[in-house]
Amino acid sequence: MKLKLVWVVCLLLAGYAGSTAYPFTDLSDPAEPWKQKQYGVSDEVPYPFEPLVVLKAQTQTDVKCWGRTYMLNAPFPVQIESQSKTLLSGPMRLIVKQGGTITKLEDQILDIGAIGADRVEFDCEMKCGPLRISVPGAIEYDGLIDIDLTVSADGPTEIEQLSVQIPIAADVAKFYHFSTQWGKYGYGRIDELPAEGLELDWQAFWWIGDDYRGLSFVTETWGGWTGPREEAFSLRRTDEGVVLSANIINEPRRIEGERKYRIGIPATPGKPLPDTWPGRHVGGAGNEPTPAAAEKLIGERGVNIALLWNDSAKFFSYPEPKDPEAFKQAVK
């Protein structure tokens, strides 16, 4: 069977791919019409996603989106289902250590705010001694939970640890992946982790799962994280399964004023996958899309989805090629 190469950028180039399904904006237009356009500004849920469904109960709130159900409480979900299988072996939790005493915050009643087909908002404020911890956030139609973990105190307060812990069920935790733009990129098998587990510096993105589903944990920045840099994250096998720990504060630190840490929690897959998805092989394609480059990617590396660097575009990171005709030939 002959492999066919797909340049990722060509999926966005409606005009050059022979489709007119999407409006095209000419960035050379001095009138700058995109400033007045409202493309994508809508509360409608686009296909193939589905409207959020909220099921409130006395002890928790379940929010359903395509393929997944999030059982919400504070500070984080108590359980998540993906493709009809539970991902967690216990509630996600926040670990706080003050004066040598460890407090575990989990499974506290969440206040549900605005409810829409595309977005459900929530909040909760918890006390841990003199600390106030709040978790304003929302879940979007694509299954992304976005939380602003906010820590403050009535006065200067010493704290030794602030960690998010995610216990993943052993039958789901088969593989792991982490990455950071311009940083590290790694993946591996859980059963090949050393006995002491894995410790790493801050990574923007983590994923743990099996062949069909998983859970991601995303943080935007290293800013505000304190402690030994090489211990920012740990991944260990325990009696619970596999526990990913994000050690935001991991040394004695005085809390004065307010600290915010943005956290993203999306379960995967995020939308229906085509039957042929295991046959997708992604690879970097450099700067210049040419027929010769396409043949090399297919023949020598087995790549059938090519990622183009922005130098091939007319404008930085905008899907309009410098040379449309050359790009057409490469796509063919």
Protein backbone atom coordinates (compact mmCIF):
# COMPACT_ATOMS: atom_id res chain seq x y z
CA MET A 1 0.00 0.00 0.00
CA LYS A 2 1.40 3.38 -0.95
CA LEU A 3 1.68 5.90 1.85
CA LYS A 4 0.26 9.34 1.32
CA LEU A 5 1.84 12.37 2.98
CA VAL A 6 -0.31 15.03 4.61
CA TRP A 7 1.28 18.38 5.35
CA VAL A 8 -0.35 19.62 8.55
CA VAL A 9 -0.43 23.18 7.32
CA CYS A 10 -2.45 22.11 4.25
CA LEU A 11 -5.31 21.12 6.52
CA LEU A 12 -5.63 24.79 7.40
CA LEU A 13 -5.20 26.14 3.90
CA ALA A 14 -8.76 25.88 2.68
CA GLY A 15 -8.07 27.90 -0.45
CA TYR A 16 -5.03 25.88 -1.49
CA ALA A 17 -6.45 22.47 -0.63
CA GLY A 18 -9.35 22.95 -3.02
CA SER A 19 -11.97 23.60 -0.36
CA THR A 20 -13.80 26.81 0.43
CA ALA A 21 -15.27 25.64 3.73
CA TYR A 22 -13.50 28.34 5.73
CA PRO A 23 -13.13 32.07 5.12
CA PHE A 24 -9.63 33.18 4.08
CA THR A 25 -8.07 36.37 5.41
CA ASP A 26 -5.44 38.15 3.38
CA LEU A 27 -2.96 39.56 5.88
CA SER A 28 -1.59 41.84 3.16
CA ASP A 29 -4.84 43.84 3.20
CA PRO A 30 -3.96 47.27 4.69
CA ALA A 31 -7.56 47.63 5.91
CA GLU A 32 -6.85 44.81 8.43
CA PRO A 33 -10.40 43.39 8.19
CA TRP A 34 -9.66 40.64 10.73
CA LYS A 35 -9.92 43.21 13.51
CA GLN A 36 -13.67 43.45 12.91
CA LYS A 37 -14.39 39.79 12.13
CA GLN A 38 -15.96 37.54 14.76
CA TYR A 39 -14.96 34.15 13.38
CA GLY A 40 -15.01 31.55 16.13
CA VAL A 41 -16.62 33.86 18.73
CA SER A 42 -19.64 31.78 19.66
CA ASP A 43 -21.10 29.73 22.48
CA GLU A 44 -22.26 27.06 20.04
CA VAL A 45 -20.62 23.66 20.43
CA PRO A 46 -18.94 22.70 17.14
CA TYR A 47 -19.05 19.21 15.65
CA PRO A 48 -17.90 16.59 16.60
CA PHE A 49 -18.07 17.79 20.20
CA GLU A 50 -21.28 17.52 22.20
CA PRO A 51 -23.05 19.95 24.57
CA LEU A 52 -22.08 19.58 28.21
CA VAL A 53 -24.55 17.74 30.44
CA VAL A 54 -24.56 18.52 34.16
CA LEU A 55 -25.84 16.04 36.75
CA LYS A 56 -25.94 17.47 40.24
CA ALA A 57 -26.01 15.25 43.33
CA GLN A 58 -25.62 15.91 47.05
CA THR A 59 -22.01 14.73 47.19
CA GLN A 60 -20.61 15.77 43.78
CA THR A 61 -21.42 17.18 40.35
CA ASP A 62 -20.92 15.11 37.20
CA VAL A 63 -20.23 16.89 33.93
CA LYS A 64 -20.44 14.87 30.73
CA CYS A 65 -18.81 15.81 27.43
CA TRP A 66 -17.98 13.72 24.37
CA GLY A 67 -16.53 10.38 25.51
CA ARG A 68 -15.81 11.48 29.08
CA THR A 69 -17.41 12.19 32.43
CA TYR A 70 -15.81 14.36 35.11
CA MET A 71 -16.94 13.82 38.71
CA LEU A 72 -16.25 17.26 40.17
CA ASN A 73 -15.50 18.31 43.71
CA ALA A 74 -12.86 20.53 45.30
CA PRO A 75 -10.07 21.14 44.88
CA PHE A 76 -9.91 18.73 41.90
CA PRO A 77 -11.98 15.95 40.30
CA VAL A 78 -12.66 12.89 42.42
CA GLN A 79 -12.96 10.62 39.38
CA ILE A 80 -12.79 10.84 35.61
CA GLU A 81 -14.15 8.39 33.05
CA SER A 82 -12.88 8.16 29.50
CA GLN A 83 -14.35 5.74 26.99
CA SER A 84 -16.40 4.15 29.82
CA LYS A 85 -13.32 3.41 31.96
CA THR A 86 -12.30 5.14 35.19
CA LEU A 87 -8.87 6.79 35.16
CA LEU A 88 -8.24 7.54 38.82
CA SER A 89 -7.64 5.16 41.71
CA GLY A 90 -8.76 7.88 44.14
CA PRO A 91 -9.59 11.60 44.20
CA MET A 92 -7.03 14.09 42.96
CA ARG A 93 -5.77 15.98 46.00
CA LEU A 94 -3.84 18.98 47.24
CA ILE A 95 -1.15 18.31 49.85
CA VAL A 96 -0.31 21.16 52.25
CA LYS A 97 2.46 20.92 54.85
CA GLN A 98 2.70 23.50 57.62
CA GLY A 99 4.83 23.21 60.75
CA GLY A 100 5.57 19.59 59.94
CA THR A 101 1.86 18.71 59.72
CA ILE A 102 0.52 17.38 56.42
CA THR A 103 -3.06 18.15 55.39
CA LYS A 104 -4.74 16.43 52.45
CA LEU A 105 -7.47 18.46 50.75
CA GLU A 106 -9.79 16.37 48.58
CA ASP A 107 -13.44 15.62 47.79
CA GLN A 108 -14.98 18.81 49.19
CA ILE A 109 -18.28 20.14 47.89
CA LEU A 110 -17.92 22.43 44.89
CA ASP A 111 -20.11 25.44 44.11
CA ILE A 112 -21.43 25.30 40.54
CA GLY A 113 -21.84 28.67 38.84
CA ALA A 114 -22.89 29.46 35.29
CA ILE A 115 -23.97 26.45 33.25
CA GLY A 116 -23.91 26.51 29.46
CA ALA A 117 -23.74 23.99 26.65
CA ASP A 118 -20.13 25.02 25.99
CA ARG A 119 -18.85 25.86 29.49
CA VAL A 120 -19.62 25.12 33.14
CA GLU A 121 -18.06 27.31 35.84
CA PHE A 122 -17.31 26.37 39.44
CA ASP A 123 -15.55 27.60 42.57
CA CYS A 124 -14.77 26.61 46.14
CA GLU A 125 -12.83 28.22 49.00
CA MET A 126 -11.18 25.99 51.60
CA LYS A 127 -9.34 26.75 54.83
CA CYS A 128 -6.14 25.07 55.93
CA GLY A 129 -5.12 26.73 59.16
CA PRO A 130 -4.39 30.38 58.32
CA LEU A 131 -4.29 29.57 54.61
CA ARG A 132 -7.16 30.23 52.23
CA ILE A 133 -7.20 28.06 49.12
CA SER A 134 -9.67 28.65 46.30
CA VAL A 135 -10.14 26.88 42.99
CA PRO A 136 -12.16 29.04 40.56
CA GLY A 137 -12.36 27.32 37.23
CA ALA A 138 -14.44 25.89 34.41
CA ILE A 139 -14.82 22.89 32.16
CA GLU A 140 -15.13 23.47 28.43
CA TYR A 141 -17.03 21.45 25.81
CA ASP A 142 -13.78 19.81 24.66
CA GLY A 143 -13.18 18.35 28.13
CA LEU A 144 -10.51 20.77 29.35
CA ILE A 145 -10.74 21.68 33.02
CA ASP A 146 -9.07 25.03 33.67
CA ILE A 147 -8.39 25.90 37.33
CA ASP A 148 -6.73 28.91 38.97
CA LEU A 149 -5.35 27.39 42.16
CA THR A 150 -5.19 30.43 44.45
CA VAL A 151 -3.37 30.48 47.80
CA SER A 152 -3.50 33.36 50.27
CA ALA A 153 -3.35 33.97 54.02
CA ASP A 154 -4.68 36.41 56.61
CA GLY A 155 -1.06 37.32 57.43
CA PRO A 156 2.47 36.13 56.64
CA THR A 157 2.33 32.33 56.88
CA GLU A 158 5.06 29.72 56.60
CA ILE A 159 4.43 26.70 54.40
CA GLU A 160 6.75 23.78 53.58
CA GLN A 161 4.84 22.02 50.82
CA LEU A 162 2.08 22.59 48.30
CA SER A 163 1.65 19.65 45.92
CA VAL A 164 -0.99 18.41 43.52
CA GLN A 165 -1.18 14.60 43.51
CA ILE A 166 -2.92 12.56 40.82
CA PRO A 167 -3.38 8.83 41.52
CA ILE A 168 -3.83 6.98 38.21
CA ALA A 169 -5.37 3.50 38.21
CA ALA A 170 -2.78 0.79 37.60
CA ASP A 171 -4.71 -0.78 34.71
CA VAL A 172 -4.72 2.58 32.89
CA ALA A 173 -1.19 3.76 33.69
CA LYS A 174 0.77 1.91 31.01
CA PHE A 175 2.71 4.75 29.39
CA TYR A 176 3.83 8.28 30.21
CA HIS A 177 4.88 11.34 28.26
CA PHE A 178 6.17 14.78 29.22
CA SER A 179 7.22 17.79 27.17
CA THR A 180 8.00 21.50 27.32
CA GLN A 181 8.48 23.81 24.37
CA TRP A 182 12.19 24.48 23.90
CA GLY A 183 12.76 22.01 26.73
CA LYS A 184 12.64 18.32 27.41
CA TYR A 185 10.60 15.71 25.58
CA GLY A 186 10.28 12.20 26.93
CA TYR A 187 8.10 9.12 26.91
CA GLY A 188 8.30 5.64 28.34
CA ARG A 189 6.60 2.60 29.81
CA ILE A 190 5.40 2.69 33.40
CA ASP A 191 6.59 -0.87 34.01
CA GLU A 192 10.12 0.24 33.11
CA LEU A 193 10.26 3.02 35.71
CA PRO A 194 13.05 2.49 38.27
CA ALA A 195 11.98 1.37 41.74
CA GLU A 196 12.46 4.89 43.10
CA GLY A 197 10.34 6.35 40.31
CA LEU A 198 11.13 9.40 38.20
CA GLU A 199 11.96 12.93 39.34
CA LEU A 200 12.15 15.85 36.92
CA ASP A 201 12.37 19.60 36.74
CA TRP A 202 9.27 21.56 35.75
CA GLN A 203 7.55 20.28 32.61
CA ALA A 204 4.61 22.07 31.01
CA PHE A 205 2.78 18.94 29.90
CA TRP A 206 2.33 15.43 31.29
CA TRP A 207 0.23 12.54 30.03
CA ILE A 208 -0.32 9.11 31.57
CA GLY A 209 -2.55 6.44 30.04
CA ASP A 210 -2.93 3.32 27.95
CA ASP A 211 -3.42 2.64 24.24
CA TYR A 212 -6.91 4.15 24.17
CA ARG A 213 -7.26 6.78 26.91
CA GLY A 214 -5.35 8.83 29.43
CA LEU A 215 -5.11 11.95 31.56
CA SER A 216 -3.09 15.08 30.92
CA PHE A 217 -1.82 17.63 33.44
CA VAL A 218 -0.78 21.05 32.16
CA THR A 219 0.79 24.08 33.85
CA GLU A 220 1.60 27.32 32.06
CA THR A 221 4.79 28.47 33.73
CA TRP A 222 7.50 27.69 36.25
CA GLY A 223 6.87 31.09 37.85
CA GLY A 224 6.02 30.80 41.56
CA TRP A 225 7.30 27.23 41.89
CA THR A 226 9.94 26.93 44.61
CA GLY A 227 12.14 24.13 45.88
CA PRO A 228 14.80 21.85 44.40
CA ARG A 229 14.39 22.33 40.68
CA GLU A 230 15.01 18.67 39.86
CA GLU A 231 12.17 17.62 42.19
CA ALA A 232 9.38 19.75 40.69
CA PHE A 233 7.63 16.60 39.43
CA SER A 234 7.72 13.00 40.50
CA LEU A 235 6.15 9.89 39.00
CA ARG A 236 6.04 6.80 41.20
CA ARG A 237 4.38 3.40 41.38
CA THR A 238 2.56 2.98 44.69
CA ASP A 239 -0.14 0.81 46.25
CA GLU A 240 -2.65 3.24 44.67
CA GLY A 241 -1.34 2.60 41.16
CA VAL A 242 0.82 5.40 39.75
CA VAL A 243 0.99 8.83 41.38
CA LEU A 244 2.05 11.98 39.55
CA SER A 245 3.04 14.75 42.00
CA ALA A 246 3.40 18.39 41.00
CA ASN A 247 5.45 19.91 43.81
CA ILE A 248 4.63 23.58 43.42
CA ILE A 249 6.17 24.58 46.75
CA ASN A 250 8.74 22.11 48.00
CA GLU A 251 10.75 24.08 50.57
CA PRO A 252 9.94 26.43 53.48
CA ARG A 253 8.33 29.51 52.01
CA ARG A 254 6.43 32.46 53.44
CA ILE A 255 3.03 33.15 51.90
CA GLU A 256 2.34 36.87 51.73
CA GLY A 257 -0.47 38.21 49.61
CA GLU A 258 -1.92 35.95 46.93
CA ARG A 259 -0.34 33.30 44.72
CA LYS A 260 -2.05 31.88 41.63
CA TYR A 261 -1.18 28.76 39.69
CA ARG A 262 -3.09 27.91 36.52
CA ILE A 263 -3.70 24.20 35.97
CA GLY A 264 -5.25 22.36 33.03
CA ILE A 265 -6.68 18.83 33.30
CA PRO A 266 -7.90 17.30 30.01
CA ALA A 267 -8.69 13.59 29.68
CA THR A 268 -8.00 11.93 26.35
CA PRO A 269 -9.04 11.26 23.66
CA GLY A 270 -10.62 14.67 23.26
CA LYS A 271 -12.77 13.79 20.25
CA PRO A 272 -13.60 10.79 18.06
CA LEU A 273 -10.60 9.19 16.40
CA PRO A 274 -10.75 7.79 12.85
CA ASP A 275 -10.40 4.03 12.47
CA THR A 276 -7.01 4.56 10.83
CA TRP A 277 -5.51 6.67 13.62
CA PRO A 278 -2.86 4.08 14.62
CA GLY A 279 -1.43 4.48 11.12
CA ARG A 280 -0.63 8.15 11.60
CA HIS A 281 3.11 8.82 11.77
CA VAL A 282 4.02 12.43 12.55
CA GLY A 283 7.40 13.98 11.84
CA GLY A 284 9.14 17.31 11.40
CA ALA A 285 9.42 18.50 7.79
CA GLY A 286 11.79 21.45 8.04
CA ASN A 287 11.18 24.75 6.31
CA GLU A 288 10.54 24.07 2.63
CA PRO A 289 7.68 21.84 1.41
CA THR A 290 8.83 20.29 -1.87
CA PRO A 291 8.00 17.05 -3.73
CA ALA A 292 11.54 15.80 -3.05
CA ALA A 293 11.16 16.46 0.67
CA ALA A 294 7.80 14.65 0.67
CA GLU A 295 9.27 11.58 -1.01
CA LYS A 296 12.12 11.51 1.50
CA LEU A 297 9.77 11.77 4.47
CA ILE A 298 7.64 8.90 3.19
CA GLY A 299 10.38 6.65 1.85
CA GLU A 300 13.09 7.05 4.47
CA ARG A 301 11.21 7.89 7.66
CA GLY A 302 7.70 6.50 7.15
CA VAL A 303 6.20 9.91 7.96
CA ASN A 304 2.71 10.57 6.59
CA ILE A 305 1.84 13.71 8.58
CA ALA A 306 4.44 16.45 8.20
CA LEU A 307 4.86 19.38 10.59
CA LEU A 308 6.15 22.48 8.82
CA TRP A 309 8.24 25.14 10.50
CA ASN A 310 6.90 28.70 10.26
CA ASP A 311 9.67 29.79 7.86
CA SER A 312 7.67 28.22 5.04
CA ALA A 313 4.76 30.60 5.68
CA LYS A 314 4.30 34.09 4.29
CA PHE A 315 3.58 35.41 7.77
CA PHE A 316 4.77 34.02 11.09
CA SER A 317 2.63 31.03 12.08
CA TYR A 318 -0.20 31.99 9.69
CA PRO A 319 -1.16 29.22 7.22
CA GLU A 320 -0.42 31.02 3.97
CA PRO A 321 2.61 29.66 2.05
CA LYS A 322 5.27 31.91 0.60
CA ASP A 323 5.00 30.04 -2.70
CA PRO A 324 1.44 28.65 -3.21
CA GLU A 325 2.27 26.82 -6.45
CA ALA A 326 5.29 25.03 -4.94
CA PHE A 327 3.17 24.11 -1.96
CA LYS A 328 0.48 22.60 -4.21
CA GLN A 329 3.08 20.42 -5.91
CA ALA A 330 4.41 19.23 -2.55
CA VAL A 331 0.90 18.33 -1.39
CA LYS A 332 0.28 16.36 -4.59
